Amino acid sequence: MKKVMFVCKHNSRRSQMAEGFTKILGKDNIAVTSAGLTVSQIDPFAVEVMSEIGIDISNQTSKPLENFHPEEYDAVISLCGCGVNLPEAWVLRDIFEDWQLDDPQGESIETFRRVRDEIKERVVKLIALLN
């Protein structure tokens, strides 16, 4: 089973949505975790837009990246352009991508939906790559 780490600055919006999609879409083949450079709380709008499409992320929590070991992951995905701030061991995994998606924090619910849909498209491609 492949292991994926999604990383974002605060682990409160984009990386949480990516984790939620991967849990559902890659459930039999991929183990997924998300973490942040700093710890925060999950944004209620992220929970809301995911629930609109039938994915419940309300029980996910924000976790610090320092609690994990890069050698345990096959793929590391940065969702915020924070790849330049990651320790080198994370960037040197078999697959490393920096998706640089817009941060919907403080934006309208429509922006959250657009970012959610962009994340889903990329997660689908990532799962296909890993399988």
N, C-alpha and C. Protein backbone atom coordinates (compact mmCIF):
# COMPACT_ATOMS: atom_id res chain seq x y z
N MET A 1 0.84 -1.19 0.00
CA MET A 1 0.00 0.00 0.00
C MET A 1 0.89 1.25 0.00
N LYS A 2 0.59 2.17 -0.90
CA LYS A 2 1.35 3.42 -0.99
C LYS A 2 0.90 4.37 0.13
N LYS A 3 1.86 5.20 0.58
CA LYS A 3 1.55 6.18 1.63
C LYS A 3 1.79 7.59 1.10
N VAL A 4 0.80 8.46 1.33
CA VAL A 4 0.83 9.83 0.85
C VAL A 4 0.74 10.79 2.03
N MET A 5 1.56 11.85 1.97
CA MET A 5 1.50 12.94 2.95
C MET A 5 1.13 14.22 2.20
N PHE A 6 0.05 14.86 2.63
CA PHE A 6 -0.32 16.18 2.12
C PHE A 6 0.12 17.21 3.15
N VAL A 7 0.85 18.23 2.69
CA VAL A 7 1.39 19.24 3.60
C VAL A 7 0.89 20.62 3.20
N CYS A 8 0.54 21.40 4.20
CA CYS A 8 0.14 22.79 3.99
C CYS A 8 0.67 23.60 5.18
N LYS A 9 0.55 24.89 5.08
CA LYS A 9 1.05 25.74 6.18
C LYS A 9 0.38 25.41 7.50
N HIS A 10 -0.97 25.39 7.50
CA HIS A 10 -1.70 25.25 8.76
C HIS A 10 -2.47 23.94 8.89
N ASN A 11 -2.53 23.14 7.83
CA ASN A 11 -3.25 21.87 7.87
C ASN A 11 -4.70 22.10 8.31
N SER A 12 -5.33 23.11 7.71
CA SER A 12 -6.69 23.44 8.13
C SER A 12 -7.71 23.48 6.99
N ARG A 13 -7.25 23.58 5.74
CA ARG A 13 -8.18 23.68 4.62
C ARG A 13 -7.77 22.73 3.48
N ARG A 14 -6.83 23.16 2.63
CA ARG A 14 -6.49 22.41 1.42
C ARG A 14 -5.98 21.00 1.72
N SER A 15 -5.05 20.87 2.62
CA SER A 15 -4.51 19.53 2.91
C SER A 15 -5.56 18.63 3.55
N GLN A 16 -6.46 19.21 4.33
CA GLN A 16 -7.53 18.41 4.93
C GLN A 16 -8.50 17.91 3.86
N MET A 17 -8.82 18.77 2.89
CA MET A 17 -9.70 18.33 1.80
C MET A 17 -9.02 17.24 0.99
N ALA A 18 -7.72 17.40 0.70
CA ALA A 18 -6.98 16.39 -0.06
C ALA A 18 -6.97 15.06 0.69
N GLU A 19 -6.77 15.12 2.00
CA GLU A 19 -6.80 13.89 2.81
C GLU A 19 -8.17 13.23 2.70
N GLY A 20 -9.22 14.03 2.81
CA GLY A 20 -10.58 13.48 2.73
C GLY A 20 -10.86 12.81 1.40
N PHE A 21 -10.47 13.47 0.29
CA PHE A 21 -10.66 12.87 -1.03
C PHE A 21 -9.88 11.56 -1.15
N THR A 22 -8.63 11.56 -0.71
CA THR A 22 -7.79 10.38 -0.87
C THR A 22 -8.30 9.21 -0.03
N LYS A 23 -8.82 9.49 1.15
CA LYS A 23 -9.38 8.42 1.98
C LYS A 23 -10.52 7.71 1.26
N ILE A 24 -11.33 8.48 0.54
CA ILE A 24 -12.48 7.89 -0.16
C ILE A 24 -12.07 7.30 -1.51
N LEU A 25 -11.37 8.07 -2.32
CA LEU A 25 -11.06 7.65 -3.69
C LEU A 25 -9.93 6.63 -3.78
N GLY A 26 -9.04 6.61 -2.79
CA GLY A 26 -7.93 5.65 -2.82
C GLY A 26 -7.98 4.66 -1.68
N LYS A 27 -9.16 4.46 -1.13
CA LYS A 27 -9.31 3.75 0.15
C LYS A 27 -8.70 2.36 0.20
N ASP A 28 -8.67 1.64 -0.91
CA ASP A 28 -8.14 0.28 -0.87
C ASP A 28 -6.65 0.19 -1.18
N ASN A 29 -6.08 1.30 -1.71
CA ASN A 29 -4.71 1.23 -2.19
C ASN A 29 -3.75 2.24 -1.56
N ILE A 30 -4.30 3.25 -0.91
CA ILE A 30 -3.45 4.35 -0.45
C ILE A 30 -3.76 4.70 1.00
N ALA A 31 -2.70 4.78 1.80
CA ALA A 31 -2.82 5.29 3.17
C ALA A 31 -2.45 6.76 3.12
N VAL A 32 -3.25 7.60 3.76
CA VAL A 32 -3.05 9.04 3.62
C VAL A 32 -3.00 9.73 4.97
N THR A 33 -2.16 10.76 5.03
CA THR A 33 -2.04 11.62 6.20
C THR A 33 -1.91 13.04 5.69
N SER A 34 -2.33 14.00 6.51
CA SER A 34 -2.03 15.39 6.19
C SER A 34 -1.42 16.03 7.43
N ALA A 35 -0.60 17.04 7.21
CA ALA A 35 0.07 17.72 8.32
C ALA A 35 0.38 19.15 7.90
N GLY A 36 0.75 19.96 8.89
CA GLY A 36 1.06 21.35 8.62
C GLY A 36 2.41 21.76 9.17
N LEU A 37 2.94 22.83 8.61
CA LEU A 37 4.18 23.40 9.16
C LEU A 37 3.90 23.96 10.55
N THR A 38 2.68 24.43 10.76
CA THR A 38 2.18 24.81 12.09
C THR A 38 0.82 24.16 12.24
N VAL A 39 0.37 24.03 13.48
CA VAL A 39 -0.91 23.38 13.75
C VAL A 39 -1.99 24.44 13.90
N SER A 40 -3.18 24.11 13.45
CA SER A 40 -4.30 25.03 13.50
C SER A 40 -5.56 24.25 13.83
N GLN A 41 -6.69 24.76 13.39
CA GLN A 41 -7.97 24.07 13.50
C GLN A 41 -8.51 23.88 12.09
N ILE A 42 -9.32 22.85 11.88
CA ILE A 42 -9.92 22.67 10.56
C ILE A 42 -10.95 23.77 10.34
N ASP A 43 -10.87 24.39 9.18
CA ASP A 43 -11.78 25.47 8.82
C ASP A 43 -13.19 24.90 8.62
N PRO A 44 -14.18 25.49 9.29
CA PRO A 44 -15.57 24.99 9.14
C PRO A 44 -16.06 25.03 7.69
N PHE A 45 -15.58 26.00 6.90
CA PHE A 45 -15.99 26.04 5.49
C PHE A 45 -15.43 24.84 4.73
N ALA A 46 -14.25 24.38 5.07
CA ALA A 46 -13.69 23.19 4.43
C ALA A 46 -14.56 21.98 4.74
N VAL A 47 -14.97 21.85 6.00
CA VAL A 47 -15.85 20.75 6.40
C VAL A 47 -17.17 20.85 5.62
N GLU A 48 -17.70 22.07 5.52
CA GLU A 48 -18.99 22.27 4.85
C GLU A 48 -18.94 21.90 3.37
N VAL A 49 -17.92 22.39 2.64
CA VAL A 49 -17.89 22.11 1.20
C VAL A 49 -17.60 20.65 0.90
N MET A 50 -16.89 19.98 1.79
CA MET A 50 -16.68 18.54 1.59
C MET A 50 -17.97 17.77 1.89
N SER A 51 -18.71 18.19 2.91
CA SER A 51 -19.96 17.50 3.24
C SER A 51 -20.99 17.66 2.13
N GLU A 52 -20.91 18.77 1.38
CA GLU A 52 -21.82 18.99 0.25
C GLU A 52 -21.70 17.89 -0.79
N ILE A 53 -20.53 17.27 -0.88
CA ILE A 53 -20.32 16.20 -1.87
C ILE A 53 -20.20 14.83 -1.20
N GLY A 54 -20.65 14.76 0.06
CA GLY A 54 -20.75 13.47 0.74
C GLY A 54 -19.49 12.97 1.40
N ILE A 55 -18.52 13.85 1.65
CA ILE A 55 -17.28 13.43 2.33
C ILE A 55 -17.20 14.16 3.66
N ASP A 56 -17.14 13.38 4.74
CA ASP A 56 -17.09 13.94 6.09
C ASP A 56 -15.65 14.02 6.58
N ILE A 57 -15.15 15.26 6.75
CA ILE A 57 -13.80 15.44 7.29
C ILE A 57 -13.84 16.05 8.68
N SER A 58 -15.02 16.06 9.29
CA SER A 58 -15.19 16.74 10.58
C SER A 58 -14.40 16.10 11.71
N ASN A 59 -14.02 14.83 11.56
CA ASN A 59 -13.24 14.17 12.61
C ASN A 59 -11.73 14.22 12.39
N GLN A 60 -11.30 14.80 11.25
CA GLN A 60 -9.87 14.95 11.00
C GLN A 60 -9.33 16.07 11.89
N THR A 61 -8.04 15.98 12.20
CA THR A 61 -7.43 16.99 13.06
C THR A 61 -6.18 17.56 12.39
N SER A 62 -5.82 18.75 12.79
CA SER A 62 -4.60 19.39 12.31
C SER A 62 -3.42 18.79 13.07
N LYS A 63 -2.39 18.38 12.31
CA LYS A 63 -1.24 17.69 12.90
C LYS A 63 0.06 18.35 12.46
N PRO A 64 1.05 18.42 13.34
CA PRO A 64 2.34 19.01 12.95
C PRO A 64 3.19 18.02 12.14
N LEU A 65 3.80 18.52 11.08
CA LEU A 65 4.63 17.68 10.22
C LEU A 65 5.76 17.02 11.00
N GLU A 66 6.27 17.71 12.00
CA GLU A 66 7.40 17.18 12.77
C GLU A 66 7.06 15.88 13.49
N ASN A 67 5.78 15.53 13.58
CA ASN A 67 5.39 14.27 14.23
C ASN A 67 5.54 13.05 13.31
N PHE A 68 5.94 13.28 12.06
CA PHE A 68 6.00 12.20 11.07
C PHE A 68 7.40 12.04 10.51
N HIS A 69 7.65 10.88 9.89
CA HIS A 69 8.97 10.56 9.35
C HIS A 69 8.89 10.45 7.83
N PRO A 70 9.65 11.27 7.10
CA PRO A 70 9.52 11.28 5.63
C PRO A 70 9.79 9.94 4.97
N GLU A 71 10.68 9.14 5.53
CA GLU A 71 11.02 7.87 4.89
C GLU A 71 9.85 6.89 4.87
N GLU A 72 8.79 7.18 5.61
CA GLU A 72 7.62 6.31 5.63
C GLU A 72 6.63 6.60 4.49
N TYR A 73 6.91 7.63 3.68
CA TYR A 73 5.96 8.06 2.65
C TYR A 73 6.53 7.90 1.25
N ASP A 74 5.66 7.45 0.33
CA ASP A 74 6.03 7.30 -1.07
C ASP A 74 5.86 8.62 -1.82
N ALA A 75 4.85 9.39 -1.42
CA ALA A 75 4.54 10.65 -2.10
C ALA A 75 4.30 11.74 -1.07
N VAL A 76 4.83 12.92 -1.36
CA VAL A 76 4.62 14.10 -0.53
C VAL A 76 4.10 15.20 -1.45
N ILE A 77 2.95 15.75 -1.06
CA ILE A 77 2.33 16.79 -1.87
C ILE A 77 2.15 18.04 -1.01
N SER A 78 2.74 19.13 -1.47
CA SER A 78 2.53 20.44 -0.85
C SER A 78 1.38 21.10 -1.61
N LEU A 79 0.45 21.67 -0.87
CA LEU A 79 -0.70 22.29 -1.53
C LEU A 79 -0.64 23.80 -1.52
N CYS A 80 0.42 24.38 -0.98
CA CYS A 80 0.41 25.83 -0.77
C CYS A 80 1.70 26.51 -1.21
N GLY A 81 2.53 25.80 -1.94
CA GLY A 81 3.80 26.40 -2.30
C GLY A 81 4.80 26.38 -1.17
N CYS A 82 4.50 25.62 -0.11
CA CYS A 82 5.39 25.59 1.05
C CYS A 82 6.52 24.58 0.89
N GLY A 83 6.61 23.96 -0.27
CA GLY A 83 7.67 22.98 -0.50
C GLY A 83 9.05 23.53 -0.24
N VAL A 84 9.24 24.82 -0.52
CA VAL A 84 10.56 25.44 -0.29
C VAL A 84 10.91 25.50 1.19
N ASN A 85 9.90 25.39 2.05
CA ASN A 85 10.12 25.45 3.49
C ASN A 85 10.22 24.07 4.15
N LEU A 86 10.08 23.03 3.36
CA LEU A 86 10.11 21.68 3.93
C LEU A 86 11.55 21.21 4.11
N PRO A 87 11.79 20.44 5.16
CA PRO A 87 13.10 19.80 5.28
C PRO A 87 13.38 18.94 4.05
N GLU A 88 14.62 18.89 3.64
CA GLU A 88 15.01 18.23 2.39
C GLU A 88 14.51 16.79 2.30
N ALA A 89 14.50 16.07 3.39
CA ALA A 89 14.08 14.66 3.35
C ALA A 89 12.65 14.50 2.83
N TRP A 90 11.80 15.48 3.05
CA TRP A 90 10.42 15.42 2.56
C TRP A 90 10.37 15.64 1.05
N VAL A 91 11.19 16.52 0.55
CA VAL A 91 11.19 16.87 -0.87
C VAL A 91 11.80 15.75 -1.71
N LEU A 92 12.62 14.91 -1.11
CA LEU A 92 13.33 13.85 -1.83
C LEU A 92 12.59 12.51 -1.87
N ARG A 93 11.31 12.49 -1.57
CA ARG A 93 10.55 11.24 -1.65
C ARG A 93 10.42 10.84 -3.12
N ASP A 94 9.96 9.61 -3.39
CA ASP A 94 9.81 9.12 -4.76
C ASP A 94 8.98 10.09 -5.60
N ILE A 95 7.91 10.58 -5.02
CA ILE A 95 7.07 11.57 -5.70
C ILE A 95 6.96 12.79 -4.78
N PHE A 96 7.33 13.94 -5.31
CA PHE A 96 7.11 15.21 -4.61
C PHE A 96 6.50 16.18 -5.60
N GLU A 97 5.37 16.76 -5.21
CA GLU A 97 4.72 17.76 -6.05
C GLU A 97 4.33 18.95 -5.18
N ASP A 98 4.40 20.13 -5.77
CA ASP A 98 3.99 21.36 -5.09
C ASP A 98 2.84 21.95 -5.91
N TRP A 99 1.61 21.72 -5.46
CA TRP A 99 0.44 22.06 -6.25
C TRP A 99 0.12 23.56 -6.24
N GLN A 100 0.55 24.30 -5.24
CA GLN A 100 0.37 25.75 -5.17
C GLN A 100 -1.06 26.19 -5.47
N LEU A 101 -1.99 25.66 -4.72
CA LEU A 101 -3.40 26.02 -4.86
C LEU A 101 -3.72 27.26 -4.03
N ASP A 102 -4.69 28.04 -4.50
CA ASP A 102 -5.11 29.23 -3.76
C ASP A 102 -5.58 28.85 -2.35
N ASP A 103 -5.26 29.70 -1.39
CA ASP A 103 -5.75 29.51 -0.02
C ASP A 103 -7.11 30.19 0.07
N PRO A 104 -8.17 29.42 0.35
CA PRO A 104 -9.50 30.02 0.41
C PRO A 104 -9.81 30.74 1.73
N GLN A 105 -8.87 30.77 2.65
CA GLN A 105 -9.12 31.39 3.95
C GLN A 105 -9.66 32.81 3.78
N GLY A 106 -10.78 33.06 4.44
CA GLY A 106 -11.38 34.39 4.42
C GLY A 106 -12.13 34.71 3.14
N GLU A 107 -12.17 33.75 2.21
CA GLU A 107 -12.85 33.97 0.94
C GLU A 107 -14.28 33.43 1.01
N SER A 108 -15.02 33.61 -0.07
CA SER A 108 -16.41 33.16 -0.14
C SER A 108 -16.49 31.63 -0.20
N ILE A 109 -17.68 31.12 0.07
CA ILE A 109 -17.91 29.69 -0.01
C ILE A 109 -17.67 29.20 -1.44
N GLU A 110 -17.93 30.06 -2.43
CA GLU A 110 -17.69 29.68 -3.82
C GLU A 110 -16.20 29.42 -4.07
N THR A 111 -15.35 30.22 -3.43
CA THR A 111 -13.91 30.00 -3.57
C THR A 111 -13.51 28.67 -2.95
N PHE A 112 -14.08 28.35 -1.79
CA PHE A 112 -13.82 27.05 -1.17
C PHE A 112 -14.23 25.92 -2.11
N ARG A 113 -15.38 26.08 -2.76
CA ARG A 113 -15.85 25.03 -3.68
C ARG A 113 -14.92 24.89 -4.87
N ARG A 114 -14.46 26.00 -5.42
CA ARG A 114 -13.54 25.94 -6.57
C ARG A 114 -12.24 25.24 -6.18
N VAL A 115 -11.67 25.60 -5.03
CA VAL A 115 -10.43 24.98 -4.57
C VAL A 115 -10.67 23.49 -4.29
N ARG A 116 -11.80 23.17 -3.69
CA ARG A 116 -12.16 21.75 -3.44
C ARG A 116 -12.16 20.97 -4.74
N ASP A 117 -12.78 21.52 -5.77
CA ASP A 117 -12.87 20.81 -7.05
C ASP A 117 -11.49 20.67 -7.71
N GLU A 118 -10.64 21.69 -7.57
CA GLU A 118 -9.27 21.60 -8.09
C GLU A 118 -8.49 20.51 -7.37
N ILE A 119 -8.68 20.44 -6.05
CA ILE A 119 -7.99 19.40 -5.26
C ILE A 119 -8.46 18.02 -5.71
N LYS A 120 -9.76 17.85 -5.92
CA LYS A 120 -10.26 16.53 -6.35
C LYS A 120 -9.63 16.11 -7.66
N GLU A 121 -9.57 17.02 -8.64
CA GLU A 121 -8.97 16.69 -9.93
C GLU A 121 -7.53 16.20 -9.76
N ARG A 122 -6.77 16.89 -8.93
CA ARG A 122 -5.36 16.52 -8.73
C ARG A 122 -5.22 15.22 -7.94
N VAL A 123 -6.09 15.00 -6.97
CA VAL A 123 -6.04 13.76 -6.19
C VAL A 123 -6.35 12.57 -7.10
N VAL A 124 -7.32 12.72 -7.99
CA VAL A 124 -7.65 11.63 -8.92
C VAL A 124 -6.43 11.27 -9.77
N LYS A 125 -5.72 12.29 -10.27
CA LYS A 125 -4.51 12.05 -11.07
C LYS A 125 -3.41 11.41 -10.23
N LEU A 126 -3.26 11.86 -8.98
CA LEU A 126 -2.23 11.29 -8.10
C LEU A 126 -2.51 9.83 -7.82
N ILE A 127 -3.76 9.49 -7.55
CA ILE A 127 -4.12 8.09 -7.27
C ILE A 127 -3.80 7.23 -8.50
N ALA A 128 -4.12 7.73 -9.69
CA ALA A 128 -3.83 6.98 -10.92
C ALA A 128 -2.33 6.76 -11.07
N LEU A 129 -1.55 7.78 -10.72
CA LEU A 129 -0.09 7.67 -10.79
C LEU A 129 0.46 6.64 -9.82
N LEU A 130 -0.13 6.57 -8.65
CA LEU A 130 0.36 5.67 -7.60
C LEU A 130 -0.09 4.22 -7.80
N ASN A 131 -1.16 4.01 -8.52
CA ASN A 131 -1.69 2.63 -8.70
C ASN A 131 -0.97 1.90 -9.83
